[in-house]
Amino acid sequence: MEAATPSAEQQLIDIKNNLAVIRQKIADACSKAGRDPSSVRLLPVTKTVPAERLRIAYAAGCHEMGENKVQEAREKSEALNDLDIKWSVIGHLQTNKVKYITRFAHEFQALDSLKVAAELDKRLQFAGRSMDVYVQVNSSGEASKFGLPPEDVEDFIKKLPDYPSLQIKGLMTLAIFSTDLDRVRACFVRMRKLQERLRQCAPAGLSFEELSMGMSGDFELAIEEGATVVRVGQAIFGKRPLPDSHYWPGFG
């Protein structure tokens, strides 16, 4: 027999409690690293969470939401358009889907293609707006993952001033999925070193102050290595209905 769905009131309490636990963990990780907790932004990842539950999450204080799949994000943004939610698209984007995200997204965290950059810039200019963008890096070197190899990022960013509607804010990565924390940390260290290098050589107008890295299972490590955005889903909303391999390439 399936367990009964908790009431809206209970869901609100649960999400608030989970957020409090995560924020305390963020604060503890920052303290360990000698950082100010306000330097880390928590981005709730809402993929597979139904829109009606996201209304409850909004009431609990989740006013930013990150989605992997454009169609799912688009549908939720329409269903919740009466709420002041800042939507972040954090998954791989095909050029034929760009036209959709320019209608609702405030941020795109997975840029790894000049074709997508060009289409995004064209659509944004037509709409008379800009968008915060992160360059996605494949820090683990896994062939199944999206993102640029770290050694290709410097040449890639030199071309980004050609797309003035893209407000480049920093880098994003998914670390290796492993119980070996040294291997996970190595991905974050690689990103921190890349960020330091890009700060010295980035074209004028491009910022690399932001590092989006770390998820429910590894965000504390990411903070220790300089993450300014952590993307947390299951620790807020509970386990998803399908295994992680369905959502993240390269898992397992």
Protein backbone atom coordinates (compact mmCIF):
# COMPACT_ATOMS: atom_id res chain seq x y z
CA MET A 1 0.00 0.00 0.00
CA GLU A 2 1.31 3.42 -0.92
CA ALA A 3 1.92 5.90 1.86
CA ALA A 4 -0.54 8.78 1.97
CA THR A 5 0.70 12.08 0.56
CA PRO A 6 1.49 14.47 3.41
CA SER A 7 -0.82 17.45 3.78
CA ALA A 8 0.22 20.80 2.33
CA GLU A 9 0.85 22.02 5.87
CA GLN A 10 3.14 19.07 6.61
CA GLN A 11 4.97 19.51 3.30
CA LEU A 12 5.57 23.16 4.17
CA ILE A 13 7.01 22.18 7.56
CA ASP A 14 9.19 19.48 5.99
CA ILE A 15 10.61 21.79 3.30
CA LYS A 16 11.28 24.55 5.85
CA ASN A 17 13.07 22.06 8.11
CA ASN A 18 15.13 20.68 5.22
CA LEU A 19 16.11 24.20 4.15
CA ALA A 20 17.18 25.02 7.70
CA VAL A 21 19.37 21.90 7.83
CA ILE A 22 20.99 22.72 4.47
CA ARG A 23 21.61 26.36 5.42
CA GLN A 24 23.26 25.22 8.64
CA LYS A 25 25.48 22.83 6.66
CA ILE A 26 26.36 25.69 4.32
CA ALA A 27 27.23 27.86 7.31
CA ASP A 28 29.34 25.08 8.85
CA ALA A 29 31.21 24.45 5.57
CA CYS A 30 31.84 28.18 5.20
CA SER A 31 33.13 28.39 8.77
CA LYS A 32 35.53 25.52 8.07
CA ALA A 33 36.77 27.31 4.95
CA GLY A 34 36.94 30.75 6.59
CA ARG A 35 34.19 32.10 4.36
CA ASP A 36 31.08 34.22 4.91
CA PRO A 37 27.90 32.09 4.50
CA SER A 38 26.33 34.96 2.56
CA SER A 39 28.89 34.28 -0.20
CA VAL A 40 27.09 31.02 -1.09
CA ARG A 41 23.76 30.99 -2.94
CA LEU A 42 21.46 28.01 -2.51
CA LEU A 43 19.72 27.10 -5.78
CA PRO A 44 16.89 24.60 -5.14
CA VAL A 45 16.74 22.04 -7.96
CA THR A 46 13.12 21.27 -8.70
CA LYS A 47 13.18 18.72 -11.50
CA THR A 48 10.40 16.12 -11.16
CA VAL A 49 8.80 18.12 -8.32
CA PRO A 50 5.20 18.92 -9.36
CA ALA A 51 4.09 22.54 -9.69
CA GLU A 52 1.63 22.33 -6.79
CA ARG A 53 4.48 21.27 -4.48
CA LEU A 54 6.60 24.13 -5.78
CA ARG A 55 3.91 26.55 -4.60
CA ILE A 56 4.49 25.13 -1.13
CA ALA A 57 8.26 25.42 -1.60
CA TYR A 58 7.83 29.05 -2.61
CA ALA A 59 5.90 29.68 0.61
CA ALA A 60 8.76 27.98 2.47
CA GLY A 61 11.23 30.47 0.98
CA CYS A 62 12.37 28.92 -2.32
CA HIS A 63 12.16 31.88 -4.69
CA GLU A 64 14.77 30.56 -7.12
CA MET A 65 14.36 27.22 -8.86
CA GLY A 66 16.67 25.24 -11.13
CA GLU A 67 15.43 22.87 -13.84
CA ASN A 68 17.27 20.47 -16.13
CA LYS A 69 14.76 19.93 -18.88
CA VAL A 70 13.49 22.89 -20.88
CA GLN A 71 9.99 21.51 -21.45
CA GLU A 72 9.48 20.77 -17.77
CA ALA A 73 10.80 24.19 -16.81
CA ARG A 74 8.59 25.90 -19.35
CA GLU A 75 5.45 24.14 -18.14
CA LYS A 76 6.17 24.95 -14.50
CA SER A 77 7.00 28.58 -15.24
CA GLU A 78 3.62 28.92 -16.96
CA ALA A 79 1.75 27.14 -14.15
CA LEU A 80 3.44 29.34 -11.53
CA ASN A 81 3.57 32.62 -13.44
CA ASP A 82 1.70 34.39 -10.64
CA LEU A 83 4.72 33.85 -8.36
CA ASP A 84 7.93 35.86 -8.53
CA ILE A 85 10.23 32.90 -9.20
CA LYS A 86 13.68 33.26 -10.76
CA TRP A 87 14.13 30.26 -13.04
CA SER A 88 17.55 28.84 -13.77
CA VAL A 89 18.09 26.31 -16.58
CA ILE A 90 20.93 24.06 -15.44
CA GLY A 91 20.80 21.28 -18.04
CA HIS A 92 22.15 20.80 -21.55
CA LEU A 93 20.42 23.00 -24.13
CA GLN A 94 19.87 22.28 -27.81
CA THR A 95 19.70 25.25 -30.19
CA ASN A 96 16.08 24.48 -31.12
CA LYS A 97 15.05 24.90 -27.45
CA VAL A 98 16.75 28.28 -26.96
CA LYS A 99 13.65 30.20 -28.04
CA TYR A 100 11.76 28.79 -25.06
CA ILE A 101 14.19 29.64 -22.28
CA THR A 102 14.48 33.28 -23.33
CA ARG A 103 10.78 33.64 -22.44
CA PHE A 104 11.03 32.63 -18.79
CA ALA A 105 14.58 31.92 -17.57
CA HIS A 106 16.66 34.43 -15.64
CA GLU A 107 19.81 32.33 -15.80
CA PHE A 108 21.43 29.61 -17.92
CA GLN A 109 24.15 27.55 -16.27
CA ALA A 110 25.18 25.11 -18.97
CA LEU A 111 26.78 27.00 -21.87
CA ASP A 112 29.33 24.85 -23.70
CA SER A 113 28.60 25.66 -27.36
CA LEU A 114 29.13 28.74 -29.51
CA LYS A 115 26.09 27.73 -31.60
CA VAL A 116 23.93 27.93 -28.49
CA ALA A 117 25.64 31.20 -27.50
CA ALA A 118 24.85 32.73 -30.89
CA GLU A 119 21.21 31.59 -30.87
CA LEU A 120 20.72 32.70 -27.28
CA ASP A 121 22.21 36.12 -27.98
CA LYS A 122 20.05 36.55 -31.09
CA ARG A 123 16.86 35.67 -29.22
CA LEU A 124 17.74 37.86 -26.24
CA GLN A 125 18.56 40.84 -28.43
CA PHE A 126 15.23 40.43 -30.19
CA ALA A 127 13.51 40.41 -26.78
CA GLY A 128 15.52 43.42 -25.64
CA ARG A 129 16.99 41.69 -22.61
CA SER A 130 20.09 39.95 -21.30
CA MET A 131 20.64 36.78 -19.29
CA ASP A 132 23.13 35.63 -16.66
CA VAL A 133 25.16 32.74 -18.07
CA TYR A 134 27.68 30.24 -16.69
CA VAL A 135 30.11 28.24 -18.82
CA GLN A 136 29.81 24.51 -18.16
CA VAL A 137 33.07 22.61 -17.66
CA ASN A 138 33.53 18.83 -17.69
CA SER A 139 35.78 18.72 -14.63
CA SER A 140 35.69 14.92 -14.30
CA GLY A 141 36.76 14.14 -17.87
CA GLU A 142 33.93 11.65 -18.30
CA ALA A 143 32.90 11.18 -21.94
CA SER A 144 29.24 10.83 -20.93
CA LYS A 145 29.08 14.33 -19.44
CA PHE A 146 28.42 17.65 -21.14
CA GLY A 147 30.69 20.64 -20.70
CA LEU A 148 33.97 21.87 -22.11
CA PRO A 149 37.26 20.21 -21.21
CA PRO A 150 39.09 22.54 -18.79
CA GLU A 151 41.90 23.08 -21.30
CA ASP A 152 39.44 24.41 -23.93
CA VAL A 153 37.72 26.99 -21.75
CA GLU A 154 40.23 29.81 -22.21
CA ASP A 155 39.87 29.82 -26.02
CA PHE A 156 36.07 29.46 -25.72
CA ILE A 157 35.60 32.49 -23.50
CA LYS A 158 37.65 34.70 -25.85
CA LYS A 159 34.77 34.42 -28.34
CA LEU A 160 31.99 35.27 -25.87
CA PRO A 161 32.26 39.09 -26.17
CA ASP A 162 30.71 38.57 -29.62
CA TYR A 163 27.44 37.84 -27.79
CA PRO A 164 26.75 40.95 -25.67
CA SER A 165 23.36 39.81 -24.33
CA LEU A 166 25.10 37.02 -22.42
CA GLN A 167 26.17 38.28 -19.01
CA ILE A 168 28.95 35.82 -18.22
CA LYS A 169 29.05 35.26 -14.46
CA GLY A 170 31.25 32.24 -13.94
CA LEU A 171 31.64 28.48 -14.32
CA MET A 172 29.45 25.45 -13.61
CA THR A 173 30.33 21.78 -13.23
CA LEU A 174 29.08 18.39 -12.09
CA ALA A 175 31.79 16.55 -10.17
CA ILE A 176 32.35 12.85 -10.65
CA PHE A 177 29.66 10.70 -9.00
CA SER A 178 31.79 8.71 -6.56
CA THR A 179 31.96 7.70 -2.92
CA ASP A 180 35.70 8.48 -3.10
CA LEU A 181 35.68 12.02 -1.73
CA ASP A 182 39.24 12.66 -2.90
CA ARG A 183 38.12 12.14 -6.50
CA VAL A 184 35.13 14.42 -5.98
CA ARG A 185 37.25 17.12 -4.35
CA ALA A 186 39.76 16.94 -7.21
CA CYS A 187 37.02 18.10 -9.62
CA PHE A 188 36.28 21.11 -7.43
CA VAL A 189 39.96 21.96 -7.03
CA ARG A 190 40.33 21.81 -10.81
CA MET A 191 37.49 24.31 -11.15
CA ARG A 192 38.92 26.67 -8.54
CA LYS A 193 42.27 26.72 -10.29
CA LEU A 194 40.59 27.30 -13.65
CA GLN A 195 38.58 30.16 -12.16
CA GLU A 196 41.76 31.76 -10.81
CA ARG A 197 43.37 31.54 -14.25
CA LEU A 198 40.36 32.97 -16.05
CA ARG A 199 40.17 35.92 -13.69
CA GLN A 200 43.58 36.93 -15.00
CA CYS A 201 42.95 36.48 -18.71
CA ALA A 202 39.19 36.93 -19.28
CA PRO A 203 38.14 39.53 -21.87
CA ALA A 204 36.80 42.80 -20.51
CA GLY A 205 33.16 42.59 -19.43
CA LEU A 206 33.25 38.88 -18.57
CA SER A 207 33.14 37.94 -14.89
CA PHE A 208 34.31 34.67 -13.42
CA GLU A 209 33.50 35.42 -9.80
CA GLU A 210 30.87 32.67 -9.60
CA LEU A 211 31.47 28.92 -9.26
CA SER A 212 28.33 26.76 -9.46
CA MET A 213 29.30 23.34 -8.15
CA GLY A 214 28.09 20.90 -5.56
CA MET A 215 24.78 19.09 -5.20
CA SER A 216 22.94 17.32 -2.36
CA GLY A 217 25.70 14.77 -1.79
CA ASP A 218 28.79 16.92 -2.12
CA PHE A 219 27.96 20.61 -1.67
CA GLU A 220 29.94 20.94 1.56
CA LEU A 221 33.12 19.81 -0.22
CA ALA A 222 32.32 22.22 -3.05
CA ILE A 223 31.99 25.12 -0.62
CA GLU A 224 35.35 24.28 0.93
CA GLU A 225 36.86 24.63 -2.55
CA GLY A 226 35.17 27.92 -3.43
CA ALA A 227 31.62 27.23 -4.67
CA THR A 228 29.43 30.34 -4.69
CA VAL A 229 26.30 28.50 -5.94
CA VAL A 230 25.24 25.06 -4.74
CA ARG A 231 22.47 23.20 -6.55
CA VAL A 232 20.45 21.13 -4.07
CA GLY A 233 17.37 19.07 -4.90
CA GLN A 234 16.88 15.79 -3.06
CA ALA A 235 18.03 17.17 0.30
CA ILE A 236 15.14 19.64 0.05
CA PHE A 237 12.42 17.64 -1.71
CA GLY A 238 13.33 14.01 -1.04
CA LYS A 239 14.26 11.21 -3.39
CA ARG A 240 13.18 11.42 -7.01
CA PRO A 241 10.94 8.76 -8.59
CA LEU A 242 13.63 7.57 -11.03
CA PRO A 243 17.33 6.81 -10.46
CA ASP A 244 19.86 9.63 -10.87
CA SER A 245 21.13 8.10 -14.11
CA HIS A 246 17.86 9.24 -15.71
CA TYR A 247 18.62 12.89 -14.94
CA TRP A 248 22.42 13.15 -14.96
CA PRO A 249 24.57 11.62 -17.70
CA GLY A 250 27.44 9.58 -16.34
CA PHE A 251 25.92 8.64 -13.02
CA GLY A 252 26.86 5.20 -11.80
